[in-house]
Amino acid sequence: MEVKLPDCRKCNNGVLIPLSDYGRDGAPITFKAWVCTNPICGFNVRIDNGEISLGKMVGQSQK
């Protein structure tokens, strides 16, 4: 089965890829964020503590 990822509507050059994470209790959080594959664009959308945030800088975790 082929999966078609959505095109980035900000730059129209990249696609949005889903990222997952784990919650405080170790429960998986599927699709916590979507990030554009175009490094120049940097568009992202995230779910943090139940709130949606757009465009915060994405970087390496210090953990």
N, C-alpha and C. Protein backbone atom coordinates (compact mmCIF):
# COMPACT_ATOMS: atom_id res chain seq x y z
N MET A 1 0.84 -1.17 0.00
CA MET A 1 0.00 0.00 0.00
C MET A 1 0.89 1.24 0.00
N GLU A 2 0.70 2.11 -0.97
CA GLU A 2 1.49 3.33 -1.08
C GLU A 2 0.82 4.45 -0.29
N VAL A 3 1.62 5.20 0.46
CA VAL A 3 1.10 6.31 1.25
C VAL A 3 1.52 7.61 0.57
N LYS A 4 0.57 8.49 0.32
CA LYS A 4 0.84 9.80 -0.28
C LYS A 4 0.87 10.83 0.83
N LEU A 5 2.04 11.41 1.06
CA LEU A 5 2.17 12.45 2.08
C LEU A 5 1.69 13.78 1.51
N PRO A 6 1.12 14.64 2.35
CA PRO A 6 0.60 15.92 1.85
C PRO A 6 1.72 16.87 1.45
N ASP A 7 1.47 17.62 0.38
CA ASP A 7 2.41 18.66 -0.04
C ASP A 7 2.39 19.80 0.97
N CYS A 8 3.54 20.45 1.14
CA CYS A 8 3.60 21.63 2.01
C CYS A 8 2.94 22.79 1.29
N ARG A 9 1.95 23.39 1.91
CA ARG A 9 1.24 24.51 1.29
C ARG A 9 1.96 25.84 1.50
N LYS A 10 2.99 25.84 2.33
CA LYS A 10 3.74 27.08 2.53
C LYS A 10 4.75 27.29 1.40
N CYS A 11 5.53 26.24 1.08
CA CYS A 11 6.59 26.40 0.08
C CYS A 11 6.30 25.70 -1.24
N ASN A 12 5.39 24.73 -1.23
CA ASN A 12 5.05 23.94 -2.43
C ASN A 12 6.24 23.18 -3.01
N ASN A 13 7.34 23.07 -2.26
CA ASN A 13 8.50 22.31 -2.72
C ASN A 13 8.74 21.05 -1.90
N GLY A 14 8.27 21.01 -0.69
CA GLY A 14 8.48 19.86 0.17
C GLY A 14 7.18 19.14 0.44
N VAL A 15 7.28 18.04 1.18
CA VAL A 15 6.10 17.33 1.65
C VAL A 15 6.13 17.34 3.17
N LEU A 16 4.98 17.17 3.78
CA LEU A 16 4.90 17.13 5.23
C LEU A 16 5.05 15.69 5.69
N ILE A 17 6.01 15.46 6.59
CA ILE A 17 6.20 14.12 7.14
C ILE A 17 5.77 14.11 8.60
N PRO A 18 5.13 13.02 9.02
CA PRO A 18 4.66 12.93 10.40
C PRO A 18 5.77 12.49 11.34
N LEU A 19 5.79 13.06 12.54
CA LEU A 19 6.73 12.68 13.59
C LEU A 19 5.92 12.24 14.80
N SER A 20 6.40 11.24 15.50
CA SER A 20 5.72 10.74 16.69
C SER A 20 6.62 10.93 17.90
N ASP A 21 6.05 10.76 19.08
CA ASP A 21 6.80 10.97 20.32
C ASP A 21 6.17 10.10 21.40
N TYR A 22 6.67 10.22 22.59
CA TYR A 22 6.11 9.52 23.75
C TYR A 22 5.71 10.54 24.79
N GLY A 23 4.59 10.30 25.46
CA GLY A 23 4.12 11.19 26.52
C GLY A 23 4.87 10.97 27.81
N ARG A 24 4.50 11.72 28.83
CA ARG A 24 5.18 11.65 30.13
C ARG A 24 5.13 10.26 30.75
N ASP A 25 4.03 9.56 30.51
CA ASP A 25 3.87 8.22 31.09
C ASP A 25 4.35 7.12 30.16
N GLY A 26 4.99 7.50 29.06
CA GLY A 26 5.52 6.52 28.12
C GLY A 26 4.54 6.07 27.05
N ALA A 27 3.34 6.65 27.03
CA ALA A 27 2.36 6.29 26.02
C ALA A 27 2.75 6.92 24.68
N PRO A 28 2.61 6.18 23.60
CA PRO A 28 2.97 6.75 22.30
C PRO A 28 2.00 7.84 21.87
N ILE A 29 2.54 8.90 21.27
CA ILE A 29 1.75 9.98 20.69
C ILE A 29 2.03 9.94 19.19
N THR A 30 1.12 9.31 18.45
CA THR A 30 1.29 9.16 17.01
C THR A 30 0.97 10.48 16.32
N PHE A 31 1.81 10.87 15.41
CA PHE A 31 1.65 12.11 14.64
C PHE A 31 1.58 13.33 15.53
N LYS A 32 2.54 13.48 16.42
CA LYS A 32 2.59 14.65 17.30
C LYS A 32 2.92 15.91 16.51
N ALA A 33 3.66 15.76 15.42
CA ALA A 33 4.06 16.91 14.62
C ALA A 33 4.12 16.53 13.15
N TRP A 34 3.97 17.52 12.31
CA TRP A 34 4.18 17.38 10.87
C TRP A 34 5.21 18.43 10.48
N VAL A 35 6.25 18.03 9.73
CA VAL A 35 7.36 18.93 9.39
C VAL A 35 7.61 18.86 7.89
N CYS A 36 7.88 20.01 7.29
CA CYS A 36 8.20 20.09 5.86
C CYS A 36 9.61 19.52 5.62
N THR A 37 9.73 18.75 4.54
CA THR A 37 11.04 18.17 4.20
C THR A 37 11.99 19.18 3.56
N ASN A 38 11.50 20.34 3.20
CA ASN A 38 12.35 21.38 2.61
C ASN A 38 13.01 22.17 3.75
N PRO A 39 14.33 22.02 3.94
CA PRO A 39 14.98 22.67 5.08
C PRO A 39 14.93 24.20 5.04
N ILE A 40 14.79 24.77 3.85
CA ILE A 40 14.69 26.23 3.75
C ILE A 40 13.34 26.72 4.26
N CYS A 41 12.30 25.91 4.05
CA CYS A 41 10.94 26.28 4.45
C CYS A 41 10.79 26.26 5.98
N GLY A 42 11.02 25.11 6.58
CA GLY A 42 10.93 24.98 8.03
C GLY A 42 9.53 24.96 8.61
N PHE A 43 8.48 24.87 7.76
CA PHE A 43 7.11 24.84 8.29
C PHE A 43 6.91 23.61 9.15
N ASN A 44 6.18 23.79 10.24
CA ASN A 44 5.83 22.66 11.09
C ASN A 44 4.57 22.98 11.87
N VAL A 45 3.86 21.94 12.23
CA VAL A 45 2.68 22.06 13.08
C VAL A 45 2.82 20.98 14.15
N ARG A 46 2.58 21.35 15.42
CA ARG A 46 2.79 20.45 16.55
C ARG A 46 1.60 20.45 17.49
N ILE A 47 1.49 19.39 18.25
CA ILE A 47 0.52 19.32 19.34
C ILE A 47 1.33 19.26 20.63
N ASP A 48 1.18 20.28 21.47
CA ASP A 48 1.86 20.34 22.77
C ASP A 48 0.83 20.53 23.87
N ASN A 49 0.75 19.56 24.76
CA ASN A 49 -0.20 19.61 25.87
C ASN A 49 -1.62 19.91 25.39
N GLY A 50 -2.00 19.29 24.27
CA GLY A 50 -3.34 19.44 23.74
C GLY A 50 -3.59 20.69 22.94
N GLU A 51 -2.58 21.54 22.76
CA GLU A 51 -2.74 22.76 21.97
C GLU A 51 -1.92 22.66 20.69
N ILE A 52 -2.48 23.19 19.61
CA ILE A 52 -1.80 23.17 18.31
C ILE A 52 -0.93 24.42 18.19
N SER A 53 0.32 24.22 17.79
CA SER A 53 1.20 25.37 17.57
C SER A 53 1.77 25.28 16.16
N LEU A 54 1.85 26.42 15.51
CA LEU A 54 2.35 26.51 14.14
C LEU A 54 3.66 27.25 14.09
N GLY A 55 4.61 26.73 13.32
CA GLY A 55 5.80 27.47 12.97
C GLY A 55 6.86 27.66 14.03
N LYS A 56 6.76 27.00 15.18
CA LYS A 56 7.86 27.12 16.14
C LYS A 56 9.12 26.48 15.54
N MET A 57 10.26 27.02 15.90
CA MET A 57 11.51 26.51 15.35
C MET A 57 11.70 25.05 15.77
N VAL A 58 12.12 24.26 14.82
CA VAL A 58 12.41 22.85 15.07
C VAL A 58 13.90 22.70 15.19
N GLY A 59 14.34 22.02 16.23
CA GLY A 59 15.76 21.84 16.43
C GLY A 59 16.05 20.54 17.14
N GLN A 60 17.29 20.30 17.41
CA GLN A 60 17.70 19.09 18.11
C GLN A 60 17.30 19.16 19.57
N SER A 61 16.83 18.04 20.08
CA SER A 61 16.46 17.96 21.49
C SER A 61 17.72 17.92 22.34
N GLN A 62 17.68 18.53 23.50
CA GLN A 62 18.82 18.51 24.41
C GLN A 62 18.82 17.26 25.29
N LYS A 63 17.83 16.39 25.11
CA LYS A 63 17.72 15.16 25.91
C LYS A 63 18.61 14.09 25.38
